[in-house]
Amino acid sequence: MRIIFLKPLQTVILDVVAWVVIHLSIGFASSTIPLKKLDPGKRFFHAYDWEQDGRIYEKLFKVRRWKHLIPNGSALYKNAFSIRRLSDSSPETLRRWLKESVRAEICHWLMIPPGFLFFLWNNVLVGWLMVLYAFLNNLIPIVLQRYNRPRLRKLLAIAERKQYPAVQKEAGLVHAG
């Protein structure tokens, strides 16, 4: 319900400033979540059956065609881990990537509800357009995380299987032979 009435130009300026503040503050707050709190093992962060291990996103949205065009928000925050490209395929890096993927998804889910604040100073039509913007603008990165995470889980399983014999040998559990 609109309770703040501004001139049209003031409203547009407030809309732009509000979105910048919302995006930056939620992004910053998300970047401060301790790694130990980010649990890719939670059911919500696993692919649901209907997601077909992320393949549904390729079928519906053709993710591979445009994923490289999505800006990397981590570049805005000090010491942030970039999930744009893997630096290596070690299990440690893949586990960290999964946690950062959870961080990114949480961040983008949190950016949707503030869209409803825009009803406070916009008419109903513009308020709904702002909610739609919030949803569509954040749906793309959410889809990207949900598309990539199952693929990274498979890669992690392969990396752990390759590393496991070496770990056993180093621990003296397997004799060189």
N, C-alpha and C. Protein backbone atom coordinates (compact mmCIF):
# COMPACT_ATOMS: atom_id res chain seq x y z
N MET A 1 0.84 -1.17 0.00
CA MET A 1 0.00 0.00 0.00
C MET A 1 0.89 1.24 0.00
N ARG A 2 0.65 2.11 -0.92
CA ARG A 2 1.45 3.32 -1.07
C ARG A 2 1.19 4.28 0.09
N ILE A 3 2.27 4.63 0.80
CA ILE A 3 2.14 5.59 1.90
C ILE A 3 3.07 6.78 1.73
N ILE A 4 3.98 6.69 0.74
CA ILE A 4 4.91 7.79 0.46
C ILE A 4 4.60 8.28 -0.95
N PHE A 5 4.30 9.56 -1.08
CA PHE A 5 3.95 10.13 -2.38
C PHE A 5 5.03 11.11 -2.80
N LEU A 6 5.66 10.81 -3.92
CA LEU A 6 6.74 11.62 -4.44
C LEU A 6 6.42 12.03 -5.87
N LYS A 7 7.18 13.00 -6.35
CA LYS A 7 7.07 13.36 -7.76
C LYS A 7 7.63 12.22 -8.59
N PRO A 8 7.21 12.08 -9.85
CA PRO A 8 7.68 10.95 -10.68
C PRO A 8 9.20 10.81 -10.74
N LEU A 9 9.93 11.90 -10.95
CA LEU A 9 11.38 11.81 -11.03
C LEU A 9 11.98 11.36 -9.69
N GLN A 10 11.44 11.87 -8.60
CA GLN A 10 11.92 11.47 -7.27
C GLN A 10 11.66 9.97 -7.04
N THR A 11 10.53 9.50 -7.52
CA THR A 11 10.18 8.09 -7.37
C THR A 11 11.16 7.21 -8.14
N VAL A 12 11.47 7.61 -9.36
CA VAL A 12 12.43 6.84 -10.17
C VAL A 12 13.79 6.82 -9.50
N ILE A 13 14.24 7.97 -9.02
CA ILE A 13 15.54 8.05 -8.34
C ILE A 13 15.53 7.16 -7.10
N LEU A 14 14.47 7.22 -6.31
CA LEU A 14 14.36 6.38 -5.12
C LEU A 14 14.37 4.90 -5.49
N ASP A 15 13.67 4.54 -6.57
CA ASP A 15 13.66 3.14 -7.01
C ASP A 15 15.07 2.66 -7.34
N VAL A 16 15.80 3.45 -8.10
CA VAL A 16 17.16 3.08 -8.51
C VAL A 16 18.08 2.98 -7.29
N VAL A 17 18.04 4.00 -6.44
CA VAL A 17 18.89 4.01 -5.24
C VAL A 17 18.53 2.85 -4.32
N ALA A 18 17.24 2.61 -4.15
CA ALA A 18 16.80 1.52 -3.28
C ALA A 18 17.32 0.17 -3.78
N TRP A 19 17.21 -0.06 -5.11
CA TRP A 19 17.71 -1.34 -5.63
C TRP A 19 19.22 -1.46 -5.46
N VAL A 20 19.95 -0.40 -5.70
CA VAL A 20 21.41 -0.46 -5.53
C VAL A 20 21.75 -0.79 -4.07
N VAL A 21 21.09 -0.11 -3.14
CA VAL A 21 21.34 -0.36 -1.71
C VAL A 21 20.95 -1.79 -1.34
N ILE A 22 19.80 -2.24 -1.81
CA ILE A 22 19.34 -3.60 -1.50
C ILE A 22 20.33 -4.63 -2.03
N HIS A 23 20.70 -4.50 -3.30
CA HIS A 23 21.62 -5.47 -3.89
C HIS A 23 22.97 -5.48 -3.17
N LEU A 24 23.53 -4.31 -2.95
CA LEU A 24 24.85 -4.25 -2.32
C LEU A 24 24.82 -4.72 -0.87
N SER A 25 23.80 -4.33 -0.12
CA SER A 25 23.77 -4.70 1.30
C SER A 25 23.48 -6.19 1.48
N ILE A 26 22.58 -6.76 0.70
CA ILE A 26 22.33 -8.20 0.82
C ILE A 26 23.54 -8.98 0.31
N GLY A 27 24.15 -8.50 -0.77
CA GLY A 27 25.37 -9.15 -1.26
C GLY A 27 26.47 -9.12 -0.22
N PHE A 28 26.67 -7.97 0.42
CA PHE A 28 27.70 -7.86 1.46
C PHE A 28 27.37 -8.77 2.64
N ALA A 29 26.12 -8.70 3.11
CA ALA A 29 25.72 -9.54 4.25
C ALA A 29 25.92 -11.02 3.93
N SER A 30 25.59 -11.41 2.72
CA SER A 30 25.77 -12.82 2.33
C SER A 30 27.25 -13.19 2.30
N SER A 31 28.09 -12.24 1.90
CA SER A 31 29.52 -12.53 1.82
C SER A 31 30.15 -12.73 3.20
N THR A 32 29.45 -12.33 4.24
CA THR A 32 30.00 -12.46 5.60
C THR A 32 29.52 -13.73 6.31
N ILE A 33 28.66 -14.51 5.66
CA ILE A 33 28.20 -15.76 6.27
C ILE A 33 29.41 -16.69 6.39
N PRO A 34 29.70 -17.18 7.58
CA PRO A 34 30.86 -18.08 7.74
C PRO A 34 30.69 -19.35 6.90
N LEU A 35 31.79 -19.83 6.32
CA LEU A 35 31.75 -21.03 5.48
C LEU A 35 31.13 -22.22 6.20
N LYS A 36 31.40 -22.36 7.49
CA LYS A 36 30.89 -23.52 8.22
C LYS A 36 29.36 -23.52 8.31
N LYS A 37 28.73 -22.36 8.09
CA LYS A 37 27.27 -22.26 8.12
C LYS A 37 26.64 -22.62 6.78
N LEU A 38 27.46 -22.68 5.73
CA LEU A 38 26.96 -22.96 4.38
C LEU A 38 27.02 -24.46 4.14
N ASP A 39 25.88 -25.11 4.15
CA ASP A 39 25.84 -26.56 4.08
C ASP A 39 25.18 -27.04 2.79
N PRO A 40 26.01 -27.38 1.79
CA PRO A 40 25.44 -27.88 0.53
C PRO A 40 24.75 -29.23 0.71
N GLY A 41 24.91 -29.85 1.87
CA GLY A 41 24.25 -31.13 2.15
C GLY A 41 22.78 -30.98 2.53
N LYS A 42 22.33 -29.77 2.83
CA LYS A 42 20.92 -29.55 3.17
C LYS A 42 20.06 -29.92 1.97
N ARG A 43 18.93 -30.51 2.23
CA ARG A 43 18.03 -30.99 1.17
C ARG A 43 17.69 -29.88 0.17
N PHE A 44 17.47 -28.68 0.65
CA PHE A 44 17.07 -27.58 -0.24
C PHE A 44 18.11 -27.34 -1.34
N PHE A 45 19.37 -27.61 -1.05
CA PHE A 45 20.43 -27.32 -2.00
C PHE A 45 20.78 -28.52 -2.89
N HIS A 46 20.09 -29.62 -2.70
CA HIS A 46 20.24 -30.76 -3.60
C HIS A 46 19.22 -30.62 -4.72
N ALA A 47 19.52 -31.24 -5.84
CA ALA A 47 18.57 -31.21 -6.95
C ALA A 47 17.36 -32.07 -6.61
N TYR A 48 16.18 -31.53 -6.84
CA TYR A 48 14.95 -32.30 -6.67
C TYR A 48 14.76 -33.17 -7.91
N ASP A 49 13.97 -34.21 -7.78
CA ASP A 49 13.77 -35.12 -8.90
C ASP A 49 13.37 -34.39 -10.18
N TRP A 50 12.47 -33.40 -10.05
CA TRP A 50 11.97 -32.70 -11.23
C TRP A 50 13.07 -31.87 -11.92
N GLU A 51 14.16 -31.58 -11.18
CA GLU A 51 15.25 -30.80 -11.77
C GLU A 51 16.19 -31.67 -12.62
N GLN A 52 16.04 -32.99 -12.52
CA GLN A 52 16.82 -33.92 -13.34
C GLN A 52 18.32 -33.63 -13.27
N ASP A 53 18.81 -33.46 -12.04
CA ASP A 53 20.23 -33.12 -11.82
C ASP A 53 20.66 -31.88 -12.59
N GLY A 54 19.77 -30.92 -12.71
CA GLY A 54 20.07 -29.65 -13.36
C GLY A 54 19.78 -29.63 -14.85
N ARG A 55 19.54 -30.80 -15.44
CA ARG A 55 19.31 -30.85 -16.90
C ARG A 55 18.05 -30.10 -17.32
N ILE A 56 17.08 -30.00 -16.44
CA ILE A 56 15.84 -29.28 -16.78
C ILE A 56 16.13 -27.83 -17.15
N TYR A 57 17.15 -27.25 -16.51
CA TYR A 57 17.49 -25.85 -16.77
C TYR A 57 18.13 -25.67 -18.14
N GLU A 58 18.85 -26.68 -18.57
CA GLU A 58 19.39 -26.62 -19.93
C GLU A 58 18.25 -26.77 -20.94
N LYS A 59 17.33 -27.67 -20.66
CA LYS A 59 16.20 -27.89 -21.58
C LYS A 59 15.31 -26.65 -21.67
N LEU A 60 14.96 -26.09 -20.52
CA LEU A 60 14.02 -24.96 -20.50
C LEU A 60 14.66 -23.62 -20.84
N PHE A 61 15.87 -23.39 -20.31
CA PHE A 61 16.47 -22.06 -20.39
C PHE A 61 17.74 -22.00 -21.24
N LYS A 62 18.22 -23.14 -21.72
CA LYS A 62 19.45 -23.18 -22.53
C LYS A 62 20.61 -22.50 -21.79
N VAL A 63 20.83 -22.88 -20.55
CA VAL A 63 21.80 -22.25 -19.65
C VAL A 63 23.20 -22.16 -20.26
N ARG A 64 23.62 -23.20 -20.94
CA ARG A 64 24.99 -23.20 -21.49
C ARG A 64 25.23 -22.06 -22.46
N ARG A 65 24.18 -21.60 -23.13
CA ARG A 65 24.34 -20.54 -24.12
C ARG A 65 24.63 -19.17 -23.50
N TRP A 66 24.12 -18.92 -22.29
CA TRP A 66 24.22 -17.57 -21.73
C TRP A 66 24.93 -17.48 -20.38
N LYS A 67 25.26 -18.61 -19.76
CA LYS A 67 25.81 -18.54 -18.40
C LYS A 67 27.10 -17.72 -18.32
N HIS A 68 27.88 -17.70 -19.36
CA HIS A 68 29.13 -16.93 -19.35
C HIS A 68 28.87 -15.41 -19.36
N LEU A 69 27.66 -14.99 -19.68
CA LEU A 69 27.32 -13.57 -19.74
C LEU A 69 26.92 -12.98 -18.38
N ILE A 70 26.67 -13.83 -17.41
CA ILE A 70 26.19 -13.37 -16.10
C ILE A 70 27.36 -12.76 -15.33
N PRO A 71 27.20 -11.52 -14.84
CA PRO A 71 28.29 -10.89 -14.09
C PRO A 71 28.56 -11.63 -12.78
N ASN A 72 29.78 -11.55 -12.34
CA ASN A 72 30.20 -12.21 -11.12
C ASN A 72 30.16 -11.20 -9.97
N GLY A 73 29.15 -11.29 -9.12
CA GLY A 73 28.98 -10.36 -8.01
C GLY A 73 30.07 -10.45 -6.97
N SER A 74 30.76 -11.58 -6.88
CA SER A 74 31.80 -11.73 -5.85
C SER A 74 32.93 -10.73 -6.06
N ALA A 75 33.08 -10.22 -7.27
CA ALA A 75 34.16 -9.27 -7.55
C ALA A 75 33.99 -7.98 -6.74
N LEU A 76 32.79 -7.71 -6.23
CA LEU A 76 32.53 -6.49 -5.47
C LEU A 76 32.98 -6.58 -4.01
N TYR A 77 33.24 -7.80 -3.54
CA TYR A 77 33.49 -7.98 -2.11
C TYR A 77 34.90 -8.50 -1.85
N LYS A 78 35.55 -7.90 -0.87
CA LYS A 78 36.93 -8.23 -0.51
C LYS A 78 37.04 -9.71 -0.14
N ASN A 79 38.07 -10.35 -0.67
CA ASN A 79 38.38 -11.76 -0.38
C ASN A 79 37.27 -12.73 -0.75
N ALA A 80 36.40 -12.34 -1.64
CA ALA A 80 35.31 -13.24 -2.05
C ALA A 80 35.85 -14.32 -2.97
N PHE A 81 35.24 -15.48 -2.90
CA PHE A 81 35.61 -16.63 -3.71
C PHE A 81 34.78 -16.59 -4.98
N SER A 82 35.43 -16.60 -6.12
CA SER A 82 34.71 -16.55 -7.38
C SER A 82 34.29 -17.94 -7.82
N ILE A 83 33.02 -18.09 -8.18
CA ILE A 83 32.55 -19.37 -8.68
C ILE A 83 32.37 -19.34 -10.20
N ARG A 84 32.95 -18.33 -10.82
CA ARG A 84 32.85 -18.25 -12.29
C ARG A 84 33.60 -19.40 -12.94
N ARG A 85 34.81 -19.66 -12.51
CA ARG A 85 35.64 -20.75 -13.07
C ARG A 85 36.34 -21.48 -11.93
N LEU A 86 36.53 -22.76 -12.14
CA LEU A 86 37.27 -23.55 -11.15
C LEU A 86 38.76 -23.29 -11.32
N SER A 87 39.44 -23.02 -10.22
CA SER A 87 40.89 -22.83 -10.29
C SER A 87 41.59 -24.17 -10.44
N ASP A 88 41.01 -25.22 -9.87
CA ASP A 88 41.52 -26.58 -10.02
C ASP A 88 40.38 -27.54 -9.67
N SER A 89 40.63 -28.82 -9.83
CA SER A 89 39.55 -29.79 -9.55
C SER A 89 39.86 -30.64 -8.33
N SER A 90 40.59 -30.07 -7.39
CA SER A 90 40.86 -30.80 -6.15
C SER A 90 39.57 -30.89 -5.34
N PRO A 91 39.43 -31.93 -4.53
CA PRO A 91 38.24 -32.04 -3.69
C PRO A 91 38.03 -30.82 -2.80
N GLU A 92 39.12 -30.23 -2.30
CA GLU A 92 39.00 -29.06 -1.42
C GLU A 92 38.37 -27.88 -2.18
N THR A 93 38.87 -27.65 -3.39
CA THR A 93 38.32 -26.55 -4.21
C THR A 93 36.87 -26.82 -4.56
N LEU A 94 36.54 -28.05 -4.91
CA LEU A 94 35.16 -28.38 -5.28
C LEU A 94 34.21 -28.25 -4.08
N ARG A 95 34.67 -28.65 -2.91
CA ARG A 95 33.84 -28.49 -1.70
C ARG A 95 33.61 -27.01 -1.41
N ARG A 96 34.66 -26.22 -1.55
CA ARG A 96 34.52 -24.77 -1.34
C ARG A 96 33.57 -24.18 -2.38
N TRP A 97 33.69 -24.60 -3.63
CA TRP A 97 32.82 -24.11 -4.69
C TRP A 97 31.36 -24.43 -4.35
N LEU A 98 31.10 -25.64 -3.86
CA LEU A 98 29.72 -26.00 -3.49
C LEU A 98 29.19 -25.09 -2.39
N LYS A 99 30.03 -24.79 -1.40
CA LYS A 99 29.60 -23.89 -0.32
C LYS A 99 29.34 -22.49 -0.86
N GLU A 100 30.19 -22.02 -1.74
CA GLU A 100 30.00 -20.68 -2.31
C GLU A 100 28.77 -20.64 -3.22
N SER A 101 28.46 -21.75 -3.85
CA SER A 101 27.25 -21.84 -4.65
C SER A 101 26.01 -21.71 -3.76
N VAL A 102 26.07 -22.32 -2.59
CA VAL A 102 24.99 -22.19 -1.62
C VAL A 102 24.87 -20.73 -1.19
N ARG A 103 26.01 -20.08 -0.93
CA ARG A 103 26.01 -18.67 -0.55
C ARG A 103 25.34 -17.82 -1.63
N ALA A 104 25.71 -18.07 -2.88
CA ALA A 104 25.14 -17.30 -3.99
C ALA A 104 23.64 -17.52 -4.10
N GLU A 105 23.21 -18.76 -3.95
CA GLU A 105 21.77 -19.02 -4.04
C GLU A 105 21.01 -18.35 -2.90
N ILE A 106 21.52 -18.46 -1.69
CA ILE A 106 20.89 -17.80 -0.54
C ILE A 106 20.78 -16.30 -0.80
N CYS A 107 21.87 -15.71 -1.25
CA CYS A 107 21.91 -14.27 -1.52
C CYS A 107 20.79 -13.88 -2.49
N HIS A 108 20.64 -14.64 -3.56
CA HIS A 108 19.65 -14.27 -4.57
C HIS A 108 18.22 -14.54 -4.12
N TRP A 109 18.00 -15.57 -3.30
CA TRP A 109 16.65 -15.75 -2.73
C TRP A 109 16.31 -14.57 -1.81
N LEU A 110 17.31 -14.09 -1.05
CA LEU A 110 17.06 -12.98 -0.13
C LEU A 110 16.78 -11.66 -0.84
N MET A 111 17.20 -11.54 -2.10
CA MET A 111 16.98 -10.30 -2.84
C MET A 111 15.58 -10.19 -3.45
N ILE A 112 14.79 -11.23 -3.38
CA ILE A 112 13.44 -11.18 -3.96
C ILE A 112 12.43 -10.48 -3.04
N PRO A 113 12.31 -10.85 -1.77
CA PRO A 113 11.27 -10.22 -0.93
C PRO A 113 11.33 -8.69 -0.82
N PRO A 114 12.51 -8.05 -0.84
CA PRO A 114 12.50 -6.58 -0.76
C PRO A 114 11.75 -5.90 -1.91
N GLY A 115 11.48 -6.62 -2.97
CA GLY A 115 10.69 -6.05 -4.06
C GLY A 115 9.35 -5.53 -3.60
N PHE A 116 8.82 -6.13 -2.55
CA PHE A 116 7.52 -5.70 -2.03
C PHE A 116 7.59 -4.34 -1.33
N LEU A 117 8.78 -3.91 -0.91
CA LEU A 117 8.92 -2.59 -0.28
C LEU A 117 8.55 -1.46 -1.25
N PHE A 118 8.68 -1.71 -2.54
CA PHE A 118 8.46 -0.67 -3.54
C PHE A 118 6.99 -0.24 -3.63
N PHE A 119 6.10 -1.04 -3.06
CA PHE A 119 4.69 -0.63 -2.98
C PHE A 119 4.52 0.57 -2.05
N LEU A 120 5.49 0.81 -1.17
CA LEU A 120 5.38 1.91 -0.21
C LEU A 120 5.43 3.27 -0.89
N TRP A 121 6.10 3.38 -2.04
CA TRP A 121 6.22 4.68 -2.70
C TRP A 121 5.90 4.64 -4.19
N ASN A 122 5.46 3.49 -4.68
CA ASN A 122 5.06 3.38 -6.09
C ASN A 122 3.59 3.01 -6.18
N ASN A 123 2.99 3.28 -7.34
CA ASN A 123 1.61 2.82 -7.52
C ASN A 123 1.62 1.30 -7.65
N VAL A 124 0.46 0.71 -7.65
CA VAL A 124 0.33 -0.74 -7.62
C VAL A 124 1.00 -1.38 -8.84
N LEU A 125 0.79 -0.83 -10.02
CA LEU A 125 1.39 -1.39 -11.23
C LEU A 125 2.91 -1.40 -11.14
N VAL A 126 3.50 -0.27 -10.77
CA VAL A 126 4.96 -0.20 -10.67
C VAL A 126 5.45 -1.09 -9.53
N GLY A 127 4.70 -1.16 -8.44
CA GLY A 127 5.06 -2.05 -7.34
C GLY A 127 5.18 -3.50 -7.82
N TRP A 128 4.18 -3.94 -8.60
CA TRP A 128 4.24 -5.31 -9.13
C TRP A 128 5.36 -5.47 -10.14
N LEU A 129 5.66 -4.42 -10.90
CA LEU A 129 6.79 -4.49 -11.83
C LEU A 129 8.11 -4.64 -11.07
N MET A 130 8.20 -4.00 -9.92
CA MET A 130 9.41 -4.12 -9.10
C MET A 130 9.53 -5.54 -8.52
N VAL A 131 8.42 -6.12 -8.12
CA VAL A 131 8.43 -7.50 -7.63
C VAL A 131 8.84 -8.44 -8.77
N LEU A 132 8.29 -8.21 -9.94
CA LEU A 132 8.64 -9.01 -11.12
C LEU A 132 10.13 -8.87 -11.43
N TYR A 133 10.64 -7.64 -11.39
CA TYR A 133 12.06 -7.40 -11.60
C TYR A 133 12.88 -8.19 -10.58
N ALA A 134 12.50 -8.10 -9.30
CA ALA A 134 13.24 -8.81 -8.25
C ALA A 134 13.26 -10.31 -8.53
N PHE A 135 12.13 -10.84 -8.94
CA PHE A 135 12.04 -12.26 -9.21
C PHE A 135 12.88 -12.65 -10.43
N LEU A 136 12.68 -11.95 -11.53
CA LEU A 136 13.39 -12.31 -12.76
C LEU A 136 14.89 -12.05 -12.66
N ASN A 137 15.27 -10.96 -12.04
CA ASN A 137 16.69 -10.61 -11.90
C ASN A 137 17.43 -11.63 -11.04
N ASN A 138 16.74 -12.24 -10.09
CA ASN A 138 17.39 -13.21 -9.21
C ASN A 138 17.15 -14.65 -9.62
N LEU A 139 16.13 -14.87 -10.43
CA LEU A 139 15.86 -16.21 -10.91
C LEU A 139 17.03 -16.73 -11.75
N ILE A 140 17.60 -15.88 -12.57
CA ILE A 140 18.70 -16.29 -13.46
C ILE A 140 19.88 -16.83 -12.65
N PRO A 141 20.40 -16.10 -11.64
CA PRO A 141 21.52 -16.66 -10.87
C PRO A 141 21.12 -17.89 -10.05
N ILE A 142 19.87 -17.95 -9.59
CA ILE A 142 19.42 -19.13 -8.84
C ILE A 142 19.42 -20.35 -9.77
N VAL A 143 18.88 -20.18 -10.97
CA VAL A 143 18.88 -21.26 -11.96
C VAL A 143 20.31 -21.69 -12.25
N LEU A 144 21.20 -20.75 -12.38
CA LEU A 144 22.60 -21.07 -12.67
C LEU A 144 23.21 -21.92 -11.56
N GLN A 145 22.95 -21.57 -10.30
CA GLN A 145 23.48 -22.36 -9.19
C GLN A 145 22.87 -23.76 -9.19
N ARG A 146 21.58 -23.83 -9.42
CA ARG A 146 20.89 -25.12 -9.39
C ARG A 146 21.26 -25.99 -10.59
N TYR A 147 21.68 -25.37 -11.66
CA TYR A 147 22.17 -26.08 -12.85
C TYR A 147 23.58 -26.63 -12.59
N ASN A 148 24.44 -25.81 -12.02
CA ASN A 148 25.85 -26.18 -11.84
C ASN A 148 26.10 -27.13 -10.68
N ARG A 149 25.36 -26.97 -9.58
CA ARG A 149 25.69 -27.73 -8.37
C ARG A 149 25.66 -29.26 -8.58
N PRO A 150 24.66 -29.83 -9.24
CA PRO A 150 24.71 -31.30 -9.44
C PRO A 150 25.92 -31.73 -10.27
N ARG A 151 26.31 -30.92 -11.22
CA ARG A 151 27.47 -31.24 -12.04
C ARG A 151 28.74 -31.22 -11.19
N LEU A 152 28.82 -30.23 -10.28
CA LEU A 152 29.99 -30.15 -9.40
C LEU A 152 30.00 -31.28 -8.39
N ARG A 153 28.84 -31.72 -7.94
CA ARG A 153 28.78 -32.87 -7.01
C ARG A 153 29.36 -34.12 -7.69
N LYS A 154 29.02 -34.32 -8.95
CA LYS A 154 29.55 -35.48 -9.69
C LYS A 154 31.07 -35.35 -9.84
N LEU A 155 31.53 -34.17 -10.17
CA LEU A 155 32.97 -33.93 -10.31
C LEU A 155 33.68 -34.17 -8.98
N LEU A 156 33.08 -33.73 -7.88
CA LEU A 156 33.65 -33.96 -6.55
C LEU A 156 33.73 -35.45 -6.25
N ALA A 157 32.69 -36.19 -6.57
CA ALA A 157 32.71 -37.64 -6.33
C ALA A 157 33.85 -38.30 -7.10
N ILE A 158 34.05 -37.88 -8.33
CA ILE A 158 35.15 -38.42 -9.14
C ILE A 158 36.49 -38.04 -8.53
N ALA A 159 36.64 -36.78 -8.14
CA ALA A 159 37.90 -36.30 -7.55
C ALA A 159 38.21 -37.04 -6.25
N GLU A 160 37.18 -37.27 -5.44
CA GLU A 160 37.39 -37.98 -4.18
C GLU A 160 37.76 -39.44 -4.42
N ARG A 161 37.16 -40.08 -5.43
CA ARG A 161 37.52 -41.47 -5.76
C ARG A 161 38.96 -41.56 -6.23
N LYS A 162 39.39 -40.60 -7.02
CA LYS A 162 40.78 -40.59 -7.52
C LYS A 162 41.75 -40.36 -6.37
N GLN A 163 41.36 -39.53 -5.43
CA GLN A 163 42.25 -39.17 -4.33
C GLN A 163 42.27 -40.26 -3.26
N TYR A 164 41.21 -41.01 -3.13
CA TYR A 164 41.06 -41.96 -2.03
C TYR A 164 42.18 -43.00 -1.97
N PRO A 165 42.56 -43.64 -3.10
CA PRO A 165 43.67 -44.61 -3.01
C PRO A 165 44.97 -43.96 -2.52
N ALA A 166 45.25 -42.75 -2.95
CA ALA A 166 46.47 -42.05 -2.51
C ALA A 166 46.40 -41.77 -1.01
N VAL A 167 45.24 -41.42 -0.52
CA VAL A 167 45.07 -41.14 0.91
C VAL A 167 45.27 -42.44 1.70
N GLN A 168 44.70 -43.55 1.20
CA GLN A 168 44.87 -44.81 1.88
C GLN A 168 46.34 -45.23 1.92
N LYS A 169 47.02 -45.04 0.79
CA LYS A 169 48.43 -45.41 0.72
C LYS A 169 49.25 -44.57 1.70
N GLU A 170 48.97 -43.26 1.71
CA GLU A 170 49.69 -42.35 2.60
C GLU A 170 49.44 -42.71 4.06
N ALA A 171 48.25 -43.18 4.38
CA ALA A 171 47.92 -43.54 5.75
C ALA A 171 48.44 -44.93 6.11
N GLY A 172 49.04 -45.63 5.13
CA GLY A 172 49.58 -46.95 5.41
C GLY A 172 48.53 -48.04 5.37
N LEU A 173 47.37 -47.75 4.83
CA LEU A 173 46.30 -48.74 4.77
C LEU A 173 46.41 -49.66 3.56
N VAL A 174 47.16 -49.24 2.56
CA VAL A 174 47.36 -50.05 1.36
C VAL A 174 48.86 -50.20 1.15
N HIS A 175 49.28 -51.39 0.86
CA HIS A 175 50.70 -51.63 0.64
C HIS A 175 51.02 -51.37 -0.83
N ALA A 176 52.12 -50.67 -1.04
CA ALA A 176 52.57 -50.43 -2.43
C ALA A 176 52.99 -51.77 -3.00
N GLY A 177 52.60 -52.03 -4.21
CA GLY A 177 52.91 -53.33 -4.61
C GLY A 177 53.26 -53.67 -5.93
